[in-house]
Amino acid sequence: MSAREDILSNVRRSLGVSGIDAPRRASVEARLAAHECGIAPQRGQGDAAARLKMFVEQAQAVATSIGHVASVDEAPVLIAEFLRAHNLPARLRMGDDARLRDLPWGAASLEISHGASAGDDLNSVSFAEAGVAETGTLALVSGAHNPTTLNFLPDNHIVILRASDIEAHYESVWARLRERYGAGLMPRTVNLVTGPSRSADIEQKLLLGAHGPRRLHVVIVGD
């Protein structure tokens, strides 16, 4: 018997139940299937304009820079301006997301490479699944369309987020993911990113880029 089974057996014995107790198993399965939402915080709720305003305020409070475009086709030009403003090379790595692949990158004179990062890329771009208004957080799902390595290895991470995808709180994001992917088909990883990487472990001095990107720039599409 493994240590795990030994511990679980002790717990079952103390509760006077077995692992094949049909009513208990049915109760657990029913609760998991219901996806009951916990207590939702008031913070971040409101109409789309209120959620957008809260998201921007919270994101900027944790050193995320924000850009706005009316149409997603305008994103490449804005991204090119961001790179020039920080004296960065006009090169971007991205995944195979059709929402990114089909944008007019050539019009912004940007050099594009595709696939996961090996750690030698300065700039990456991803498309966010959703934003969380209450904390200014980005929800990024893994896959060939948006490799997780692009979220953490390059020094500068640029994320495109539709204003219509900004949810009030985390509970709404999980509901969105279940609706999009369906039961048993969730992405392998969901990364919740709030601001650029930071640490104050050494002498309580804040250092950006400690364990990931030193810059996080969000391009919000629409209003």
Protein backbone atom coordinates (compact mmCIF):
# COMPACT_ATOMS: atom_id res chain seq x y z
CA MET A 1 0.00 0.00 0.00
CA SER A 2 1.33 3.43 -0.93
CA ALA A 3 1.64 6.22 1.63
CA ARG A 4 -1.27 7.98 -0.08
CA GLU A 5 -3.56 4.96 0.22
CA ASP A 6 -2.47 4.45 3.79
CA ILE A 7 -3.47 8.02 4.70
CA LEU A 8 -6.80 7.79 2.85
CA SER A 9 -7.58 4.45 4.50
CA ASN A 10 -7.01 6.01 7.92
CA VAL A 11 -9.33 8.91 7.02
CA ARG A 12 -12.07 6.53 5.80
CA ARG A 13 -11.72 4.39 8.90
CA SER A 14 -12.06 7.41 11.19
CA LEU A 15 -15.18 8.56 9.29
CA GLY A 16 -16.68 5.10 9.21
CA VAL A 17 -17.03 5.05 5.43
CA SER A 18 -15.53 3.15 2.51
CA GLY A 19 -14.17 4.30 -0.81
CA ILE A 20 -17.03 2.56 -2.63
CA ASP A 21 -19.84 4.10 -0.60
CA ALA A 22 -22.36 4.65 -3.43
CA PRO A 23 -24.41 7.49 -1.87
CA ARG A 24 -21.27 9.47 -1.00
CA ARG A 25 -19.81 8.97 -4.46
CA ALA A 26 -23.09 10.06 -6.04
CA SER A 27 -23.14 13.17 -3.84
CA VAL A 28 -19.61 14.11 -4.87
CA GLU A 29 -20.30 13.51 -8.57
CA ALA A 30 -23.47 15.61 -8.40
CA ARG A 31 -21.62 18.46 -6.72
CA LEU A 32 -18.82 18.39 -9.31
CA ALA A 33 -21.31 18.30 -12.18
CA ALA A 34 -23.26 21.27 -10.84
CA HIS A 35 -20.26 23.63 -10.93
CA GLU A 36 -21.78 25.69 -8.16
CA CYS A 37 -20.32 29.18 -7.99
CA GLY A 38 -18.90 30.37 -4.70
CA ILE A 39 -19.52 33.76 -3.16
CA ALA A 40 -18.76 36.30 -5.90
CA PRO A 41 -17.09 39.52 -4.73
CA GLN A 42 -18.83 42.80 -5.46
CA ARG A 43 -15.54 44.25 -6.63
CA GLY A 44 -15.28 44.31 -10.42
CA GLN A 45 -18.95 43.76 -11.10
CA GLY A 46 -21.00 46.10 -13.21
CA ASP A 47 -21.54 46.70 -16.91
CA ALA A 48 -18.87 46.26 -19.57
CA ALA A 49 -17.60 49.84 -19.20
CA ALA A 50 -17.23 49.44 -15.43
CA ARG A 51 -15.37 46.14 -15.81
CA LEU A 52 -13.02 47.67 -18.38
CA LYS A 53 -12.30 50.65 -16.12
CA MET A 54 -11.62 48.43 -13.11
CA PHE A 55 -9.38 46.10 -15.13
CA VAL A 56 -7.24 48.97 -16.42
CA GLU A 57 -6.91 50.53 -12.94
CA GLN A 58 -5.93 47.26 -11.31
CA ALA A 59 -3.53 46.26 -14.09
CA GLN A 60 -1.72 49.60 -14.05
CA ALA A 61 -1.45 49.41 -10.25
CA VAL A 62 0.81 46.35 -10.66
CA ALA A 63 3.05 47.88 -13.37
CA THR A 64 1.18 46.58 -16.42
CA SER A 65 1.17 49.04 -19.30
CA ILE A 66 -2.03 49.40 -21.31
CA GLY A 67 -2.75 50.27 -24.93
CA HIS A 68 -6.13 50.62 -26.64
CA VAL A 69 -7.21 49.95 -30.23
CA ALA A 70 -10.67 50.01 -31.76
CA SER A 71 -10.02 47.04 -34.05
CA VAL A 72 -7.75 44.04 -33.58
CA ASP A 73 -6.19 44.79 -36.98
CA GLU A 74 -4.70 47.94 -35.42
CA ALA A 75 -2.82 45.92 -32.77
CA PRO A 76 0.38 45.30 -34.80
CA VAL A 77 1.04 49.04 -35.28
CA LEU A 78 0.48 49.74 -31.58
CA ILE A 79 2.77 46.85 -30.63
CA ALA A 80 5.47 48.15 -32.98
CA GLU A 81 5.21 51.55 -31.27
CA PHE A 82 5.60 49.89 -27.86
CA LEU A 83 8.74 48.07 -29.01
CA ARG A 84 10.27 51.25 -30.45
CA ALA A 85 9.46 53.23 -27.30
CA HIS A 86 11.49 50.75 -25.23
CA ASN A 87 14.30 50.44 -27.78
CA LEU A 88 13.46 46.78 -28.41
CA PRO A 89 14.04 44.83 -31.64
CA ALA A 90 11.10 44.65 -34.03
CA ARG A 91 10.80 40.89 -33.53
CA LEU A 92 7.99 38.86 -31.98
CA ARG A 93 7.44 35.19 -31.24
CA MET A 94 3.90 33.84 -31.16
CA GLY A 95 2.00 30.57 -31.23
CA ASP A 96 -0.30 29.25 -33.92
CA ASP A 97 -3.38 31.17 -32.80
CA ALA A 98 -5.35 32.12 -35.89
CA ARG A 99 -6.41 35.37 -34.19
CA LEU A 100 -2.73 36.37 -34.16
CA ARG A 101 -1.58 34.69 -37.35
CA ASP A 102 -4.10 36.55 -39.51
CA LEU A 103 -3.20 40.05 -38.29
CA PRO A 104 -1.38 42.48 -40.67
CA TRP A 105 2.07 42.20 -39.07
CA GLY A 106 3.81 43.13 -42.30
CA ALA A 107 2.19 46.56 -42.22
CA ALA A 108 3.97 47.22 -38.91
CA SER A 109 7.36 45.99 -40.24
CA LEU A 110 7.61 43.34 -37.53
CA GLU A 111 9.59 40.12 -37.91
CA ILE A 112 7.44 37.20 -36.74
CA SER A 113 8.52 33.73 -35.62
CA HIS A 114 6.22 30.93 -34.50
CA GLY A 115 6.23 28.24 -31.85
CA ALA A 116 7.27 27.83 -28.24
CA SER A 117 10.17 29.87 -26.88
CA ALA A 118 13.50 28.26 -26.02
CA GLY A 119 14.40 31.19 -23.77
CA ASP A 120 16.29 33.29 -26.32
CA ASP A 121 13.39 35.54 -27.39
CA LEU A 122 13.14 39.10 -26.11
CA ASN A 123 9.53 39.67 -27.14
CA SER A 124 6.44 37.50 -27.33
CA VAL A 125 2.77 38.07 -28.01
CA SER A 126 -0.22 36.05 -26.84
CA PHE A 127 -3.99 36.28 -27.08
CA ALA A 128 -5.75 36.20 -23.72
CA GLU A 129 -8.72 33.96 -23.07
CA ALA A 130 -10.14 36.50 -20.62
CA GLY A 131 -9.35 39.32 -18.22
CA VAL A 132 -10.37 39.59 -14.56
CA ALA A 133 -11.60 43.05 -13.61
CA GLU A 134 -11.28 42.70 -9.84
CA THR A 135 -7.49 42.18 -9.97
CA GLY A 136 -6.33 43.23 -13.45
CA THR A 137 -5.41 39.61 -14.16
CA LEU A 138 -5.04 37.85 -17.52
CA ALA A 139 -6.28 34.30 -18.06
CA LEU A 140 -4.01 32.55 -20.57
CA VAL A 141 -4.64 28.98 -21.67
CA SER A 142 -1.92 26.64 -22.92
CA GLY A 143 -1.67 24.90 -26.25
CA ALA A 144 0.06 25.14 -29.62
CA HIS A 145 -1.99 28.27 -30.30
CA ASN A 146 -0.50 30.07 -27.27
CA PRO A 147 2.46 28.14 -25.79
CA THR A 148 2.96 28.66 -22.06
CA THR A 149 6.67 29.37 -22.58
CA LEU A 150 5.73 32.63 -24.32
CA ASN A 151 4.13 33.81 -21.07
CA PHE A 152 7.26 33.43 -18.95
CA LEU A 153 10.55 33.16 -20.86
CA PRO A 154 10.79 36.35 -22.98
CA ASP A 155 11.66 39.61 -21.20
CA ASN A 156 8.72 41.44 -22.75
CA HIS A 157 5.29 39.86 -22.94
CA ILE A 158 2.57 41.52 -24.99
CA VAL A 159 -0.99 40.28 -24.65
CA ILE A 160 -4.00 41.13 -26.79
CA LEU A 161 -7.27 41.16 -24.85
CA ARG A 162 -10.73 41.91 -26.16
CA ALA A 163 -12.66 44.29 -23.91
CA SER A 164 -15.68 42.03 -24.31
CA ASP A 165 -13.67 39.19 -22.71
CA ILE A 166 -13.15 41.04 -19.42
CA GLU A 167 -15.06 39.22 -16.69
CA ALA A 168 -15.93 40.56 -13.26
CA HIS A 169 -14.15 37.87 -11.24
CA TYR A 170 -12.36 34.52 -11.38
CA GLU A 171 -15.56 32.50 -11.01
CA SER A 172 -16.84 33.95 -14.29
CA VAL A 173 -13.59 33.03 -16.04
CA TRP A 174 -13.92 29.35 -15.03
CA ALA A 175 -17.52 29.35 -16.25
CA ARG A 176 -16.34 30.79 -19.58
CA LEU A 177 -13.68 28.09 -19.93
CA ARG A 178 -16.16 25.29 -19.20
CA GLU A 179 -18.58 26.74 -21.76
CA ARG A 180 -15.92 27.01 -24.44
CA TYR A 181 -14.10 23.70 -23.97
CA GLY A 182 -16.76 21.43 -22.48
CA ALA A 183 -16.52 18.75 -19.80
CA GLY A 184 -13.26 16.81 -19.82
CA LEU A 185 -11.72 19.02 -22.51
CA MET A 186 -10.19 21.79 -20.44
CA PRO A 187 -6.75 23.08 -21.50
CA ARG A 188 -3.81 21.42 -19.79
CA THR A 189 -2.76 24.68 -18.13
CA VAL A 190 -4.52 27.92 -17.27
CA ASN A 191 -2.08 30.67 -16.29
CA LEU A 192 -3.44 33.59 -14.28
CA VAL A 193 -1.00 36.46 -14.76
CA THR A 194 -1.17 39.69 -12.77
CA GLY A 195 1.50 42.18 -13.81
CA PRO A 196 5.13 41.48 -14.77
CA SER A 197 7.24 39.08 -12.74
CA ARG A 198 8.50 40.53 -9.47
CA SER A 199 10.23 39.63 -6.22
CA ALA A 200 11.23 41.45 -3.05
CA ASP A 201 12.92 38.48 -1.41
CA ILE A 202 16.34 40.15 -1.32
CA GLU A 203 16.49 43.01 1.22
CA GLN A 204 12.80 43.76 0.51
CA LYS A 205 13.76 45.58 -2.69
CA LEU A 206 11.26 45.13 -5.51
CA LEU A 207 12.85 43.60 -8.60
CA LEU A 208 10.90 43.25 -11.84
CA GLY A 209 11.64 40.30 -14.10
CA ALA A 210 12.74 38.02 -11.26
CA HIS A 211 11.05 34.86 -12.52
CA GLY A 212 9.56 35.93 -15.84
CA PRO A 213 8.90 38.99 -18.03
CA ARG A 214 10.09 42.35 -16.76
CA ARG A 215 7.45 44.08 -18.88
CA LEU A 216 3.81 43.17 -19.46
CA HIS A 217 1.92 45.20 -22.04
CA VAL A 218 -1.78 44.62 -22.67
CA VAL A 219 -3.44 45.77 -25.88
CA ILE A 220 -7.18 46.07 -25.24
CA VAL A 221 -9.38 45.76 -28.31
CA GLY A 222 -12.70 47.62 -28.34
CA ASP A 223 -14.39 49.61 -25.58
